[in-house]
Amino acid sequence: MSDPLSSIEAALDDEGLFFTRDDDEDAYRVAFKSEGDRYFVVSYRDDPNFLMIGSGWALPAEIEILDALDVANVLNVRKKFVKTALWEEERDVLFTVELCVNEPDEVRPNFGRLLDVLRDTAAEFFDELRDEEE
């Protein structure tokens, strides 16, 4: 598998999304925007069958970490595909889809669905936190 993200780039082209490529000695990386939000795709050179598609967000100062953790735990149980993780010290939340594939081409026909579930999970996370504040 020489370039595990070439099919991801094709999927981004299918979706009409512009992307940038930034590989390094550890990983292949693609970054892109969809509907104004930033996303990334990573495949590690030492594990080319692993693909991670994700987005990262900063938690607003008014959100309590414990409330965010509670919402993340509920989403992790209920949502398909997506993992929600919090970095407490940085006050960041990360939404990722992590896949193990034989060939990256397996992702291409489902890329739009995976992007939708990432977008929906982030929206649901922040909507739930706003509802708790009220």
N, C-alpha and C. Protein backbone atom coordinates (compact mmCIF):
# COMPACT_ATOMS: atom_id res chain seq x y z
N MET A 1 0.86 -1.17 0.00
CA MET A 1 0.00 0.00 0.00
C MET A 1 0.91 1.24 0.00
N SER A 2 1.07 1.85 -1.14
CA SER A 2 2.03 2.94 -1.25
C SER A 2 1.49 4.27 -0.72
N ASP A 3 0.25 4.60 -1.00
CA ASP A 3 -0.32 5.86 -0.52
C ASP A 3 -1.73 5.59 -0.01
N PRO A 4 -1.86 5.37 1.28
CA PRO A 4 -3.17 4.99 1.83
C PRO A 4 -4.22 6.10 1.77
N LEU A 5 -3.82 7.33 1.48
CA LEU A 5 -4.81 8.41 1.45
C LEU A 5 -5.23 8.82 0.05
N SER A 6 -4.72 8.16 -0.98
CA SER A 6 -5.11 8.54 -2.34
C SER A 6 -6.61 8.33 -2.56
N SER A 7 -7.18 7.27 -2.01
CA SER A 7 -8.63 7.07 -2.16
C SER A 7 -9.43 8.06 -1.32
N ILE A 8 -8.85 8.53 -0.22
CA ILE A 8 -9.50 9.57 0.58
C ILE A 8 -9.53 10.86 -0.22
N GLU A 9 -8.42 11.16 -0.88
CA GLU A 9 -8.39 12.35 -1.73
C GLU A 9 -9.43 12.23 -2.85
N ALA A 10 -9.60 11.06 -3.40
CA ALA A 10 -10.63 10.85 -4.43
C ALA A 10 -12.02 11.04 -3.83
N ALA A 11 -12.23 10.56 -2.61
CA ALA A 11 -13.52 10.74 -1.94
C ALA A 11 -13.79 12.22 -1.68
N LEU A 12 -12.77 12.96 -1.31
CA LEU A 12 -12.93 14.41 -1.11
C LEU A 12 -13.27 15.09 -2.43
N ASP A 13 -12.63 14.65 -3.51
CA ASP A 13 -12.99 15.16 -4.84
C ASP A 13 -14.45 14.84 -5.16
N ASP A 14 -14.88 13.61 -4.83
CA ASP A 14 -16.28 13.21 -5.06
C ASP A 14 -17.24 14.15 -4.35
N GLU A 15 -16.85 14.57 -3.14
CA GLU A 15 -17.70 15.45 -2.32
C GLU A 15 -17.54 16.92 -2.72
N GLY A 16 -16.61 17.22 -3.63
CA GLY A 16 -16.36 18.60 -4.05
C GLY A 16 -15.63 19.41 -3.01
N LEU A 17 -14.80 18.75 -2.19
CA LEU A 17 -14.10 19.43 -1.11
C LEU A 17 -12.62 19.62 -1.46
N PHE A 18 -12.11 20.80 -1.15
CA PHE A 18 -10.69 21.08 -1.34
C PHE A 18 -9.93 20.60 -0.12
N PHE A 19 -8.70 20.16 -0.33
CA PHE A 19 -7.91 19.62 0.77
C PHE A 19 -6.45 20.00 0.61
N THR A 20 -5.72 19.87 1.69
CA THR A 20 -4.27 20.03 1.67
C THR A 20 -3.64 18.75 2.19
N ARG A 21 -2.44 18.50 1.73
CA ARG A 21 -1.72 17.29 2.11
C ARG A 21 -0.48 17.70 2.88
N ASP A 22 -0.21 17.02 3.99
CA ASP A 22 0.95 17.36 4.81
C ASP A 22 1.50 16.08 5.44
N ASP A 23 2.22 15.29 4.65
CA ASP A 23 2.81 14.05 5.14
C ASP A 23 4.10 14.36 5.91
N ASP A 24 4.44 13.47 6.84
CA ASP A 24 5.73 13.56 7.51
C ASP A 24 6.30 12.15 7.66
N GLU A 25 7.36 12.01 8.41
CA GLU A 25 8.00 10.70 8.52
C GLU A 25 7.16 9.69 9.28
N ASP A 26 6.16 10.15 10.05
CA ASP A 26 5.32 9.25 10.84
C ASP A 26 3.98 8.93 10.21
N ALA A 27 3.44 9.88 9.44
CA ALA A 27 2.05 9.71 8.99
C ALA A 27 1.78 10.42 7.67
N TYR A 28 0.72 9.96 7.04
CA TYR A 28 0.12 10.63 5.89
C TYR A 28 -1.03 11.46 6.45
N ARG A 29 -1.14 12.71 6.04
CA ARG A 29 -2.18 13.58 6.61
C ARG A 29 -2.84 14.42 5.52
N VAL A 30 -4.16 14.50 5.62
CA VAL A 30 -4.95 15.35 4.75
C VAL A 30 -5.83 16.22 5.64
N ALA A 31 -5.92 17.50 5.32
CA ALA A 31 -6.80 18.42 6.04
C ALA A 31 -7.76 19.04 5.04
N PHE A 32 -9.00 19.27 5.49
CA PHE A 32 -10.00 19.85 4.60
C PHE A 32 -11.08 20.53 5.42
N LYS A 33 -11.87 21.36 4.73
CA LYS A 33 -13.02 22.00 5.34
C LYS A 33 -14.29 21.48 4.67
N SER A 34 -15.32 21.36 5.48
CA SER A 34 -16.64 21.00 4.97
C SER A 34 -17.67 21.79 5.76
N GLU A 35 -18.49 22.52 5.06
CA GLU A 35 -19.51 23.37 5.68
C GLU A 35 -18.91 24.28 6.74
N GLY A 36 -17.71 24.80 6.45
CA GLY A 36 -17.05 25.75 7.34
C GLY A 36 -16.27 25.14 8.48
N ASP A 37 -16.37 23.84 8.68
CA ASP A 37 -15.65 23.18 9.78
C ASP A 37 -14.41 22.48 9.24
N ARG A 38 -13.40 22.36 10.09
CA ARG A 38 -12.13 21.74 9.70
C ARG A 38 -12.10 20.26 10.10
N TYR A 39 -11.56 19.46 9.22
CA TYR A 39 -11.45 18.02 9.43
C TYR A 39 -10.07 17.56 9.02
N PHE A 40 -9.72 16.35 9.43
CA PHE A 40 -8.45 15.76 9.06
C PHE A 40 -8.62 14.27 8.85
N VAL A 41 -7.68 13.70 8.09
CA VAL A 41 -7.58 12.25 7.91
C VAL A 41 -6.11 11.89 8.12
N VAL A 42 -5.88 10.84 8.90
CA VAL A 42 -4.51 10.41 9.19
C VAL A 42 -4.39 8.91 8.97
N SER A 43 -3.29 8.51 8.39
CA SER A 43 -2.89 7.10 8.31
C SER A 43 -1.43 7.04 8.70
N TYR A 44 -1.09 6.17 9.63
CA TYR A 44 0.28 6.08 10.12
C TYR A 44 1.11 5.14 9.26
N ARG A 45 2.34 5.54 9.01
CA ARG A 45 3.22 4.75 8.15
C ARG A 45 3.48 3.36 8.72
N ASP A 46 3.53 3.23 10.05
CA ASP A 46 3.78 1.93 10.65
C ASP A 46 2.52 1.09 10.81
N ASP A 47 1.37 1.64 10.42
CA ASP A 47 0.09 0.92 10.50
C ASP A 47 -0.82 1.41 9.36
N PRO A 48 -0.48 1.12 8.11
CA PRO A 48 -1.20 1.69 6.98
C PRO A 48 -2.64 1.22 6.84
N ASN A 49 -3.05 0.21 7.59
CA ASN A 49 -4.44 -0.24 7.54
C ASN A 49 -5.33 0.58 8.45
N PHE A 50 -4.74 1.41 9.30
CA PHE A 50 -5.50 2.25 10.22
C PHE A 50 -5.76 3.61 9.59
N LEU A 51 -7.01 4.04 9.62
CA LEU A 51 -7.40 5.37 9.15
C LEU A 51 -8.19 6.08 10.24
N MET A 52 -7.88 7.33 10.45
CA MET A 52 -8.64 8.14 11.40
C MET A 52 -9.13 9.39 10.67
N ILE A 53 -10.44 9.62 10.76
CA ILE A 53 -11.06 10.82 10.21
C ILE A 53 -11.60 11.58 11.40
N GLY A 54 -11.32 12.86 11.50
CA GLY A 54 -11.77 13.56 12.70
C GLY A 54 -11.85 15.06 12.56
N SER A 55 -12.29 15.65 13.67
CA SER A 55 -12.32 17.10 13.81
C SER A 55 -12.09 17.44 15.27
N GLY A 56 -11.41 18.55 15.51
CA GLY A 56 -11.13 19.00 16.86
C GLY A 56 -11.75 20.36 17.12
N TRP A 57 -12.18 20.55 18.36
CA TRP A 57 -12.87 21.78 18.75
C TRP A 57 -12.38 22.24 20.12
N ALA A 58 -12.38 23.53 20.34
CA ALA A 58 -12.09 24.08 21.66
C ALA A 58 -13.40 24.18 22.44
N LEU A 59 -13.34 23.81 23.71
CA LEU A 59 -14.51 23.96 24.58
C LEU A 59 -14.61 25.41 25.05
N PRO A 60 -15.77 26.03 24.92
CA PRO A 60 -15.93 27.39 25.45
C PRO A 60 -15.68 27.41 26.96
N ALA A 61 -15.18 28.52 27.46
CA ALA A 61 -14.81 28.65 28.88
C ALA A 61 -15.97 28.39 29.82
N GLU A 62 -17.18 28.70 29.39
CA GLU A 62 -18.34 28.56 30.28
C GLU A 62 -18.81 27.11 30.45
N ILE A 63 -18.27 26.21 29.66
CA ILE A 63 -18.69 24.80 29.75
C ILE A 63 -17.87 24.09 30.81
N GLU A 64 -18.57 23.45 31.73
CA GLU A 64 -17.90 22.67 32.77
C GLU A 64 -17.37 21.36 32.17
N ILE A 65 -16.14 21.02 32.51
CA ILE A 65 -15.52 19.80 31.98
C ILE A 65 -16.35 18.56 32.33
N LEU A 66 -16.84 18.47 33.55
CA LEU A 66 -17.61 17.29 33.95
C LEU A 66 -18.89 17.16 33.14
N ASP A 67 -19.52 18.28 32.80
CA ASP A 67 -20.71 18.23 31.94
C ASP A 67 -20.32 17.73 30.55
N ALA A 68 -19.20 18.22 30.03
CA ALA A 68 -18.73 17.78 28.71
C ALA A 68 -18.39 16.29 28.72
N LEU A 69 -17.77 15.81 29.79
CA LEU A 69 -17.46 14.39 29.90
C LEU A 69 -18.72 13.54 29.94
N ASP A 70 -19.73 14.00 30.66
CA ASP A 70 -21.00 13.27 30.71
C ASP A 70 -21.63 13.16 29.33
N VAL A 71 -21.65 14.26 28.59
CA VAL A 71 -22.23 14.24 27.25
C VAL A 71 -21.41 13.35 26.33
N ALA A 72 -20.08 13.44 26.41
CA ALA A 72 -19.21 12.59 25.59
C ALA A 72 -19.47 11.12 25.86
N ASN A 73 -19.62 10.75 27.12
CA ASN A 73 -19.88 9.34 27.46
C ASN A 73 -21.19 8.86 26.89
N VAL A 74 -22.22 9.68 26.95
CA VAL A 74 -23.53 9.30 26.39
C VAL A 74 -23.40 9.11 24.87
N LEU A 75 -22.71 10.03 24.22
CA LEU A 75 -22.55 9.91 22.77
C LEU A 75 -21.73 8.69 22.39
N ASN A 76 -20.70 8.38 23.17
CA ASN A 76 -19.87 7.20 22.87
C ASN A 76 -20.66 5.91 22.95
N VAL A 77 -21.66 5.88 23.80
CA VAL A 77 -22.50 4.68 23.92
C VAL A 77 -23.52 4.62 22.79
N ARG A 78 -24.05 5.77 22.41
CA ARG A 78 -25.20 5.81 21.51
C ARG A 78 -24.86 5.97 20.03
N LYS A 79 -23.79 6.67 19.69
CA LYS A 79 -23.52 7.00 18.29
C LYS A 79 -22.76 5.87 17.59
N LYS A 80 -23.08 5.67 16.33
CA LYS A 80 -22.34 4.72 15.49
C LYS A 80 -21.07 5.39 15.00
N PHE A 81 -20.01 4.63 14.93
CA PHE A 81 -18.74 5.00 14.31
C PHE A 81 -17.88 5.99 15.10
N VAL A 82 -18.48 7.01 15.73
CA VAL A 82 -17.71 8.14 16.25
C VAL A 82 -17.29 7.94 17.70
N LYS A 83 -16.05 8.32 17.98
CA LYS A 83 -15.54 8.38 19.34
C LYS A 83 -15.38 9.85 19.72
N THR A 84 -15.86 10.21 20.89
CA THR A 84 -15.74 11.57 21.40
C THR A 84 -14.77 11.55 22.57
N ALA A 85 -13.72 12.36 22.49
CA ALA A 85 -12.70 12.38 23.55
C ALA A 85 -12.44 13.82 23.97
N LEU A 86 -12.12 13.99 25.25
CA LEU A 86 -11.81 15.32 25.79
C LEU A 86 -10.40 15.35 26.35
N TRP A 87 -9.71 16.45 26.06
CA TRP A 87 -8.44 16.74 26.70
C TRP A 87 -8.72 17.85 27.69
N GLU A 88 -8.78 17.47 28.96
CA GLU A 88 -9.21 18.41 29.99
C GLU A 88 -8.29 19.62 30.11
N GLU A 89 -6.98 19.40 30.17
CA GLU A 89 -6.04 20.51 30.37
C GLU A 89 -6.09 21.50 29.22
N GLU A 90 -6.22 21.01 27.99
CA GLU A 90 -6.27 21.90 26.83
C GLU A 90 -7.67 22.41 26.55
N ARG A 91 -8.68 21.80 27.21
CA ARG A 91 -10.09 22.13 26.99
C ARG A 91 -10.46 21.94 25.52
N ASP A 92 -10.03 20.81 24.97
CA ASP A 92 -10.34 20.45 23.59
C ASP A 92 -11.20 19.20 23.56
N VAL A 93 -12.02 19.12 22.54
CA VAL A 93 -12.81 17.91 22.30
C VAL A 93 -12.49 17.44 20.89
N LEU A 94 -12.33 16.13 20.75
CA LEU A 94 -11.98 15.54 19.47
C LEU A 94 -13.03 14.49 19.10
N PHE A 95 -13.53 14.59 17.90
CA PHE A 95 -14.49 13.62 17.35
C PHE A 95 -13.76 12.85 16.26
N THR A 96 -13.70 11.53 16.39
CA THR A 96 -12.98 10.73 15.40
C THR A 96 -13.75 9.49 15.01
N VAL A 97 -13.54 9.09 13.78
CA VAL A 97 -13.93 7.78 13.28
C VAL A 97 -12.62 7.06 13.04
N GLU A 98 -12.43 5.93 13.70
CA GLU A 98 -11.20 5.18 13.55
C GLU A 98 -11.54 3.83 12.92
N LEU A 99 -10.86 3.53 11.81
CA LEU A 99 -11.18 2.35 11.02
C LEU A 99 -9.93 1.52 10.75
N CYS A 100 -10.11 0.24 10.66
CA CYS A 100 -9.08 -0.67 10.19
C CYS A 100 -9.59 -1.25 8.87
N VAL A 101 -8.85 -1.02 7.81
CA VAL A 101 -9.29 -1.43 6.49
C VAL A 101 -8.20 -2.25 5.80
N ASN A 102 -8.63 -3.15 4.95
CA ASN A 102 -7.66 -3.89 4.13
C ASN A 102 -7.08 -2.99 3.05
N GLU A 103 -7.97 -2.21 2.46
CA GLU A 103 -7.58 -1.26 1.41
C GLU A 103 -8.31 0.05 1.67
N PRO A 104 -7.64 1.18 1.54
CA PRO A 104 -8.31 2.46 1.77
C PRO A 104 -9.50 2.71 0.84
N ASP A 105 -9.52 2.03 -0.32
CA ASP A 105 -10.65 2.19 -1.24
C ASP A 105 -11.96 1.78 -0.59
N GLU A 106 -11.90 0.98 0.47
CA GLU A 106 -13.11 0.55 1.17
C GLU A 106 -13.86 1.73 1.78
N VAL A 107 -13.15 2.80 2.09
CA VAL A 107 -13.74 3.96 2.76
C VAL A 107 -14.47 4.86 1.77
N ARG A 108 -13.98 4.93 0.56
CA ARG A 108 -14.48 5.91 -0.42
C ARG A 108 -16.01 5.90 -0.57
N PRO A 109 -16.68 4.76 -0.75
CA PRO A 109 -18.13 4.83 -0.94
C PRO A 109 -18.90 5.26 0.30
N ASN A 110 -18.26 5.20 1.46
CA ASN A 110 -18.93 5.57 2.71
C ASN A 110 -18.43 6.88 3.30
N PHE A 111 -17.55 7.55 2.59
CA PHE A 111 -16.93 8.74 3.14
C PHE A 111 -17.94 9.82 3.50
N GLY A 112 -18.91 10.06 2.64
CA GLY A 112 -19.93 11.06 2.92
C GLY A 112 -20.71 10.75 4.19
N ARG A 113 -21.04 9.48 4.37
CA ARG A 113 -21.76 9.07 5.59
C ARG A 113 -20.91 9.29 6.83
N LEU A 114 -19.62 8.94 6.76
CA LEU A 114 -18.74 9.13 7.90
C LEU A 114 -18.57 10.61 8.23
N LEU A 115 -18.47 11.44 7.22
CA LEU A 115 -18.37 12.88 7.44
C LEU A 115 -19.66 13.41 8.07
N ASP A 116 -20.81 12.93 7.60
CA ASP A 116 -22.09 13.35 8.18
C ASP A 116 -22.19 12.99 9.66
N VAL A 117 -21.76 11.78 10.01
CA VAL A 117 -21.88 11.36 11.41
C VAL A 117 -20.90 12.15 12.29
N LEU A 118 -19.74 12.50 11.78
CA LEU A 118 -18.83 13.37 12.53
C LEU A 118 -19.46 14.73 12.77
N ARG A 119 -20.00 15.31 11.72
CA ARG A 119 -20.64 16.62 11.81
C ARG A 119 -21.83 16.59 12.77
N ASP A 120 -22.67 15.56 12.65
CA ASP A 120 -23.85 15.43 13.50
C ASP A 120 -23.47 15.23 14.97
N THR A 121 -22.43 14.45 15.22
CA THR A 121 -22.02 14.20 16.60
C THR A 121 -21.50 15.47 17.25
N ALA A 122 -20.69 16.24 16.54
CA ALA A 122 -20.19 17.51 17.08
C ALA A 122 -21.36 18.45 17.37
N ALA A 123 -22.30 18.55 16.44
CA ALA A 123 -23.45 19.43 16.65
C ALA A 123 -24.28 18.97 17.85
N GLU A 124 -24.50 17.68 17.96
CA GLU A 124 -25.28 17.14 19.07
C GLU A 124 -24.57 17.37 20.40
N PHE A 125 -23.26 17.20 20.42
CA PHE A 125 -22.47 17.43 21.63
C PHE A 125 -22.66 18.86 22.13
N PHE A 126 -22.46 19.83 21.27
CA PHE A 126 -22.57 21.22 21.69
C PHE A 126 -24.01 21.63 21.95
N ASP A 127 -24.97 21.10 21.20
CA ASP A 127 -26.39 21.38 21.48
C ASP A 127 -26.78 20.88 22.87
N GLU A 128 -26.34 19.69 23.21
CA GLU A 128 -26.65 19.12 24.52
C GLU A 128 -26.05 19.96 25.64
N LEU A 129 -24.84 20.41 25.46
CA LEU A 129 -24.21 21.26 26.48
C LEU A 129 -24.92 22.60 26.62
N ARG A 130 -25.38 23.17 25.52
CA ARG A 130 -26.14 24.41 25.58
C ARG A 130 -27.45 24.21 26.32
N ASP A 131 -28.12 23.08 26.06
CA ASP A 131 -29.39 22.77 26.73
C ASP A 131 -29.19 22.62 28.23
N GLU A 132 -28.05 22.04 28.65
CA GLU A 132 -27.77 21.86 30.07
C GLU A 132 -27.54 23.20 30.76
N GLU A 133 -26.97 24.18 30.03
CA GLU A 133 -26.71 25.49 30.60
C GLU A 133 -27.99 26.28 30.86
N GLU A 134 -29.01 26.01 30.10
CA GLU A 134 -30.27 26.79 30.22
C GLU A 134 -31.13 26.33 31.35
